[in-house]
Amino acid sequence: MTDSVQSTAQNPVFSNNQLNVEDIPNLQTLALLPISKKYRAINIFSIGLIALVLLSIATGIKYQPFWSIPEDLLKAYPYIVTAIVALATIWALYHVFADVRIFYAIREQDISKQSGLIFRKLSCQPILRVQHVEVNRGPLDRWAGLASLQVFSAGGEMHTFEIPGLTLDKAEQLREFILAHKDIGAR
């Protein structure tokens, strides 16, 4: 056996020592930061806009003069309007309560996101495993000065998670930090 093979056999690089559960850092003590309050307002505005468009289409079809509408469909109009309003109200109420429960945190080695209204979810992504980071902005996000940060994991087709409702400056700052630190842990 050569000297390098003997030294590798004597001092293995790989270790898998058992850890004491009490010594593991607790994620519940993670200092989570809230997203922008504008995010909830944009979601509620979008829901109202979608409901208004659907109501306009239903009303336009009912009162259009170009062709006759079957009587049964005309009788269904109040039910259609009620269904659109009820669904939009439920959807908006969900965002009223759920959007204020979206938090994020970034540490030296990972980025975390907590969300969920009924079922709480805490996702942690090691920065070392991040392959790609995007800052996305839709038209309403641009209007409100917001952006979302999408963090893609190495080996995965879909993004690991998305942190919505960040100010553009904060999203760019987080993106730059992750890109600057994603290869540090590999050294």
C-alpha atoms as a PDB file:
ATOM      1  CA  MET A   1       0.000   0.000   0.000  1.00  0.00           C
ATOM      2  CA  THR A   2       1.286   3.455  -0.844  1.00  0.00           C
ATOM      3  CA  ASP A   3       1.753   6.158   1.785  1.00  0.00           C
ATOM      4  CA  SER A   4      -1.169   8.276   0.495  1.00  0.00           C
ATOM      5  CA  VAL A   5      -3.576   5.332   0.558  1.00  0.00           C
ATOM      6  CA  GLN A   6      -2.445   4.383   4.088  1.00  0.00           C
ATOM      7  CA  SER A   7      -2.884   7.947   5.352  1.00  0.00           C
ATOM      8  CA  THR A   8      -6.371   8.086   3.811  1.00  0.00           C
ATOM      9  CA  ALA A   9      -7.299   4.823   5.487  1.00  0.00           C
ATOM     10  CA  GLN A  10      -5.993   6.068   8.856  1.00  0.00           C
ATOM     11  CA  ASN A  11      -7.623   9.546   8.685  1.00  0.00           C
ATOM     12  CA  PRO A  12     -10.875   9.218   6.786  1.00  0.00           C
ATOM     13  CA  VAL A  13     -12.385  12.425   5.420  1.00  0.00           C
ATOM     14  CA  PHE A  14     -15.917  11.084   5.749  1.00  0.00           C
ATOM     15  CA  SER A  15     -17.460  11.010   9.207  1.00  0.00           C
ATOM     16  CA  ASN A  16     -20.949  10.191  10.389  1.00  0.00           C
ATOM     17  CA  ASN A  17     -20.856  10.764  14.128  1.00  0.00           C
ATOM     18  CA  GLN A  18     -24.034  10.664  16.163  1.00  0.00           C
ATOM     19  CA  LEU A  19     -25.248  14.063  17.397  1.00  0.00           C
ATOM     20  CA  ASN A  20     -26.985  14.925  20.623  1.00  0.00           C
ATOM     21  CA  VAL A  21     -30.487  16.186  19.800  1.00  0.00           C
ATOM     22  CA  GLU A  22     -30.249  18.953  22.434  1.00  0.00           C
ATOM     23  CA  ASP A  23     -27.129  20.352  20.708  1.00  0.00           C
ATOM     24  CA  ILE A  24     -28.857  20.861  17.344  1.00  0.00           C
ATOM     25  CA  PRO A  25     -29.917  24.499  16.707  1.00  0.00           C
ATOM     26  CA  ASN A  26     -33.656  25.055  17.106  1.00  0.00           C
ATOM     27  CA  LEU A  27     -35.386  26.543  14.069  1.00  0.00           C
ATOM     28  CA  GLN A  28     -38.133  27.937  16.286  1.00  0.00           C
ATOM     29  CA  THR A  29     -35.659  30.547  17.533  1.00  0.00           C
ATOM     30  CA  LEU A  30     -35.003  31.727  13.968  1.00  0.00           C
ATOM     31  CA  ALA A  31     -35.525  35.506  13.662  1.00  0.00           C
ATOM     32  CA  LEU A  32     -38.089  35.642  10.850  1.00  0.00           C
ATOM     33  CA  LEU A  33     -38.785  38.853   8.939  1.00  0.00           C
ATOM     34  CA  PRO A  34     -42.219  39.750   7.518  1.00  0.00           C
ATOM     35  CA  ILE A  35     -42.805  40.526   3.869  1.00  0.00           C
ATOM     36  CA  SER A  36     -44.201  43.880   2.746  1.00  0.00           C
ATOM     37  CA  LYS A  37     -47.768  44.780   3.739  1.00  0.00           C
ATOM     38  CA  LYS A  38     -48.295  45.949   0.160  1.00  0.00           C
ATOM     39  CA  TYR A  39     -48.281  42.297  -0.953  1.00  0.00           C
ATOM     40  CA  ARG A  40     -51.638  41.628   0.718  1.00  0.00           C
ATOM     41  CA  ALA A  41     -53.129  44.810  -0.762  1.00  0.00           C
ATOM     42  CA  ILE A  42     -51.990  43.792  -4.255  1.00  0.00           C
ATOM     43  CA  ASN A  43     -53.517  40.339  -3.863  1.00  0.00           C
ATOM     44  CA  ILE A  44     -56.842  41.741  -2.691  1.00  0.00           C
ATOM     45  CA  PHE A  45     -56.814  44.314  -5.507  1.00  0.00           C
ATOM     46  CA  SER A  46     -56.127  41.531  -8.042  1.00  0.00           C
ATOM     47  CA  ILE A  47     -58.997  39.434  -6.690  1.00  0.00           C
ATOM     48  CA  GLY A  48     -61.355  42.405  -6.897  1.00  0.00           C
ATOM     49  CA  LEU A  49     -60.231  43.107 -10.455  1.00  0.00           C
ATOM     50  CA  ILE A  50     -60.753  39.478 -11.521  1.00  0.00           C
ATOM     51  CA  ALA A  51     -64.206  39.404  -9.872  1.00  0.00           C
ATOM     52  CA  LEU A  52     -65.139  42.673 -11.586  1.00  0.00           C
ATOM     53  CA  VAL A  53     -64.108  41.322 -14.999  1.00  0.00           C
ATOM     54  CA  LEU A  54     -66.079  38.091 -14.453  1.00  0.00           C
ATOM     55  CA  LEU A  55     -69.146  40.040 -13.298  1.00  0.00           C
ATOM     56  CA  SER A  56     -68.848  42.324 -16.337  1.00  0.00           C
ATOM     57  CA  ILE A  57     -68.677  39.328 -18.681  1.00  0.00           C
ATOM     58  CA  ALA A  58     -71.722  37.692 -17.050  1.00  0.00           C
ATOM     59  CA  THR A  59     -73.677  40.957 -17.149  1.00  0.00           C
ATOM     60  CA  GLY A  60     -72.603  41.675 -20.725  1.00  0.00           C
ATOM     61  CA  ILE A  61     -73.790  38.245 -21.841  1.00  0.00           C
ATOM     62  CA  LYS A  62     -77.138  38.673 -20.062  1.00  0.00           C
ATOM     63  CA  TYR A  63     -77.897  42.108 -21.494  1.00  0.00           C
ATOM     64  CA  GLN A  64     -76.337  41.834 -24.963  1.00  0.00           C
ATOM     65  CA  PRO A  65     -78.784  42.525 -27.825  1.00  0.00           C
ATOM     66  CA  PHE A  66     -77.203  40.321 -30.534  1.00  0.00           C
ATOM     67  CA  TRP A  67     -78.715  36.902 -29.792  1.00  0.00           C
ATOM     68  CA  SER A  68     -81.359  35.476 -27.522  1.00  0.00           C
ATOM     69  CA  ILE A  69     -80.268  33.808 -24.316  1.00  0.00           C
ATOM     70  CA  PRO A  70     -82.195  30.734 -23.106  1.00  0.00           C
ATOM     71  CA  GLU A  71     -84.578  31.525 -20.249  1.00  0.00           C
ATOM     72  CA  ASP A  72     -82.866  29.019 -17.925  1.00  0.00           C
ATOM     73  CA  LEU A  73     -79.537  30.797 -18.395  1.00  0.00           C
ATOM     74  CA  LEU A  74     -81.173  34.150 -17.649  1.00  0.00           C
ATOM     75  CA  LYS A  75     -82.610  32.691 -14.430  1.00  0.00           C
ATOM     76  CA  ALA A  76     -79.114  31.471 -13.462  1.00  0.00           C
ATOM     77  CA  TYR A  77     -77.658  34.997 -13.626  1.00  0.00           C
ATOM     78  CA  PRO A  78     -78.273  35.857  -9.920  1.00  0.00           C
ATOM     79  CA  TYR A  79     -76.684  32.543  -8.894  1.00  0.00           C
ATOM     80  CA  ILE A  80     -73.672  33.188 -11.106  1.00  0.00           C
ATOM     81  CA  VAL A  81     -73.220  36.664  -9.622  1.00  0.00           C
ATOM     82  CA  THR A  82     -73.602  35.268  -6.097  1.00  0.00           C
ATOM     83  CA  ALA A  83     -71.045  32.521  -6.798  1.00  0.00           C
ATOM     84  CA  ILE A  84     -68.506  35.007  -8.212  1.00  0.00           C
ATOM     85  CA  VAL A  85     -68.928  37.367  -5.242  1.00  0.00           C
ATOM     86  CA  ALA A  86     -68.767  34.503  -2.702  1.00  0.00           C
ATOM     87  CA  LEU A  87     -65.634  32.965  -4.235  1.00  0.00           C
ATOM     88  CA  ALA A  88     -63.925  36.356  -4.500  1.00  0.00           C
ATOM     89  CA  THR A  89     -64.790  37.116  -0.865  1.00  0.00           C
ATOM     90  CA  ILE A  90     -63.430  33.776   0.370  1.00  0.00           C
ATOM     91  CA  TRP A  91     -60.299  34.193  -1.751  1.00  0.00           C
ATOM     92  CA  ALA A  92     -59.747  37.736  -0.459  1.00  0.00           C
ATOM     93  CA  LEU A  93     -60.322  36.669   3.156  1.00  0.00           C
ATOM     94  CA  TYR A  94     -57.749  33.937   2.723  1.00  0.00           C
ATOM     95  CA  HIS A  95     -55.179  36.523   1.614  1.00  0.00           C
ATOM     96  CA  VAL A  96     -56.135  38.880   4.453  1.00  0.00           C
ATOM     97  CA  PHE A  97     -55.139  36.223   6.991  1.00  0.00           C
ATOM     98  CA  ALA A  98     -52.510  34.163   5.114  1.00  0.00           C
ATOM     99  CA  ASP A  99     -50.313  36.900   3.631  1.00  0.00           C
ATOM    100  CA  VAL A 100     -49.438  38.315   7.043  1.00  0.00           C
ATOM    101  CA  ARG A 101     -48.108  34.860   7.973  1.00  0.00           C
ATOM    102  CA  ILE A 102     -45.387  34.771   5.320  1.00  0.00           C
ATOM    103  CA  PHE A 103     -41.940  35.284   6.834  1.00  0.00           C
ATOM    104  CA  TYR A 104     -38.374  34.733   5.705  1.00  0.00           C
ATOM    105  CA  ALA A 105     -34.899  34.599   7.215  1.00  0.00           C
ATOM    106  CA  ILE A 106     -31.395  34.381   5.869  1.00  0.00           C
ATOM    107  CA  ARG A 107     -28.412  33.060   7.753  1.00  0.00           C
ATOM    108  CA  GLU A 108     -24.806  32.425   6.770  1.00  0.00           C
ATOM    109  CA  GLN A 109     -25.521  28.943   5.415  1.00  0.00           C
ATOM    110  CA  ASP A 110     -29.242  28.849   4.566  1.00  0.00           C
ATOM    111  CA  ILE A 111     -32.354  30.751   3.617  1.00  0.00           C
ATOM    112  CA  SER A 112     -35.737  29.976   5.176  1.00  0.00           C
ATOM    113  CA  LYS A 113     -39.374  30.744   4.460  1.00  0.00           C
ATOM    114  CA  GLN A 114     -42.368  30.195   6.722  1.00  0.00           C
ATOM    115  CA  SER A 115     -45.911  30.320   5.382  1.00  0.00           C
ATOM    116  CA  GLY A 116     -49.340  28.794   5.733  1.00  0.00           C
ATOM    117  CA  LEU A 117     -52.617  29.777   7.290  1.00  0.00           C
ATOM    118  CA  ILE A 118     -53.896  26.448   8.597  1.00  0.00           C
ATOM    119  CA  PHE A 119     -50.911  24.215   7.930  1.00  0.00           C
ATOM    120  CA  ARG A 120     -47.682  26.015   8.806  1.00  0.00           C
ATOM    121  CA  LYS A 121     -44.686  25.205   6.636  1.00  0.00           C
ATOM    122  CA  LEU A 122     -41.053  26.111   7.283  1.00  0.00           C
ATOM    123  CA  SER A 123     -38.715  25.514   4.342  1.00  0.00           C
ATOM    124  CA  CYS A 124     -34.956  25.809   4.669  1.00  0.00           C
ATOM    125  CA  GLN A 125     -32.617  25.795   1.692  1.00  0.00           C
ATOM    126  CA  PRO A 126     -28.856  25.493   2.204  1.00  0.00           C
ATOM    127  CA  ILE A 127     -27.177  28.259   0.225  1.00  0.00           C
ATOM    128  CA  LEU A 128     -24.562  25.729  -0.875  1.00  0.00           C
ATOM    129  CA  ARG A 129     -27.315  23.815  -2.769  1.00  0.00           C
ATOM    130  CA  VAL A 130     -28.691  26.886  -4.547  1.00  0.00           C
ATOM    131  CA  GLN A 131     -28.161  26.673  -8.266  1.00  0.00           C
ATOM    132  CA  HIS A 132     -30.054  29.706  -9.473  1.00  0.00           C
ATOM    133  CA  VAL A 133     -31.788  32.752  -7.973  1.00  0.00           C
ATOM    134  CA  GLU A 134     -34.271  34.996  -9.800  1.00  0.00           C
ATOM    135  CA  VAL A 135     -35.972  38.262  -8.938  1.00  0.00           C
ATOM    136  CA  ASN A 136     -39.390  38.403 -10.627  1.00  0.00           C
ATOM    137  CA  ARG A 137     -41.757  41.345 -10.941  1.00  0.00           C
ATOM    138  CA  GLY A 138     -45.204  41.394 -12.482  1.00  0.00           C
ATOM    139  CA  PRO A 139     -46.950  44.599 -13.548  1.00  0.00           C
ATOM    140  CA  LEU A 140     -48.692  45.089 -10.193  1.00  0.00           C
ATOM    141  CA  ASP A 141     -45.455  44.269  -8.358  1.00  0.00           C
ATOM    142  CA  ARG A 142     -43.622  46.940 -10.366  1.00  0.00           C
ATOM    143  CA  TRP A 143     -46.403  49.439  -9.657  1.00  0.00           C
ATOM    144  CA  ALA A 144     -46.093  48.745  -5.890  1.00  0.00           C
ATOM    145  CA  GLY A 145     -42.277  48.556  -5.883  1.00  0.00           C
ATOM    146  CA  LEU A 146     -42.286  44.869  -4.934  1.00  0.00           C
ATOM    147  CA  ALA A 147     -40.588  41.738  -6.239  1.00  0.00           C
ATOM    148  CA  SER A 148     -40.448  38.032  -5.501  1.00  0.00           C
ATOM    149  CA  LEU A 149     -37.273  36.035  -4.987  1.00  0.00           C
ATOM    150  CA  GLN A 150     -37.244  32.542  -6.475  1.00  0.00           C
ATOM    151  CA  VAL A 151     -34.589  30.193  -5.128  1.00  0.00           C
ATOM    152  CA  PHE A 152     -33.878  27.149  -7.314  1.00  0.00           C
ATOM    153  CA  SER A 153     -32.272  24.097  -5.789  1.00  0.00           C
ATOM    154  CA  ALA A 154     -29.492  22.162  -7.507  1.00  0.00           C
ATOM    155  CA  GLY A 155     -30.918  19.084  -9.212  1.00  0.00           C
ATOM    156  CA  GLY A 156     -34.536  20.234  -9.086  1.00  0.00           C
ATOM    157  CA  GLU A 157     -36.693  21.326 -12.006  1.00  0.00           C
ATOM    158  CA  MET A 158     -38.937  23.573  -9.931  1.00  0.00           C
ATOM    159  CA  HIS A 159     -37.807  26.343  -7.617  1.00  0.00           C
ATOM    160  CA  THR A 160     -37.381  25.281  -4.024  1.00  0.00           C
ATOM    161  CA  PHE A 161     -39.482  28.147  -2.831  1.00  0.00           C
ATOM    162  CA  GLU A 162     -40.460  31.688  -3.582  1.00  0.00           C
ATOM    163  CA  ILE A 163     -40.404  34.611  -1.202  1.00  0.00           C
ATOM    164  CA  PRO A 164     -43.048  37.052  -2.462  1.00  0.00           C
ATOM    165  CA  GLY A 165     -43.748  40.594  -1.362  1.00  0.00           C
ATOM    166  CA  LEU A 166     -40.186  41.833  -0.937  1.00  0.00           C
ATOM    167  CA  THR A 167     -39.190  45.367  -1.777  1.00  0.00           C
ATOM    168  CA  LEU A 168     -37.098  45.443  -4.940  1.00  0.00           C
ATOM    169  CA  ASP A 169     -34.019  46.591  -3.021  1.00  0.00           C
ATOM    170  CA  LYS A 170     -34.375  43.773  -0.470  1.00  0.00           C
ATOM    171  CA  ALA A 171     -34.919  41.132  -3.192  1.00  0.00           C
ATOM    172  CA  GLU A 172     -31.828  42.293  -5.094  1.00  0.00           C
ATOM    173  CA  GLN A 173     -29.804  42.422  -1.869  1.00  0.00           C
ATOM    174  CA  LEU A 174     -30.822  38.845  -0.955  1.00  0.00           C
ATOM    175  CA  ARG A 175     -30.083  37.641  -4.483  1.00  0.00           C
ATOM    176  CA  GLU A 176     -26.599  39.165  -4.428  1.00  0.00           C
ATOM    177  CA  PHE A 177     -25.880  37.716  -0.981  1.00  0.00           C
ATOM    178  CA  ILE A 178     -26.949  34.217  -2.028  1.00  0.00           C
ATOM    179  CA  LEU A 179     -24.944  34.342  -5.267  1.00  0.00           C
ATOM    180  CA  ALA A 180     -21.869  35.643  -3.445  1.00  0.00           C
ATOM    181  CA  HIS A 181     -22.079  32.984  -0.723  1.00  0.00           C
ATOM    182  CA  LYS A 182     -23.311  29.886  -2.551  1.00  0.00           C
ATOM    183  CA  ASP A 183     -19.797  28.600  -3.289  1.00  0.00           C
ATOM    184  CA  ILE A 184     -18.172  29.604   0.021  1.00  0.00           C
ATOM    185  CA  GLY A 185     -19.331  26.478   1.875  1.00  0.00           C
ATOM    186  CA  ALA A 186     -17.815  24.212  -0.797  1.00  0.00           C
ATOM    187  CA  ARG A 187     -14.290  25.452  -0.090  1.00  0.00           C
END
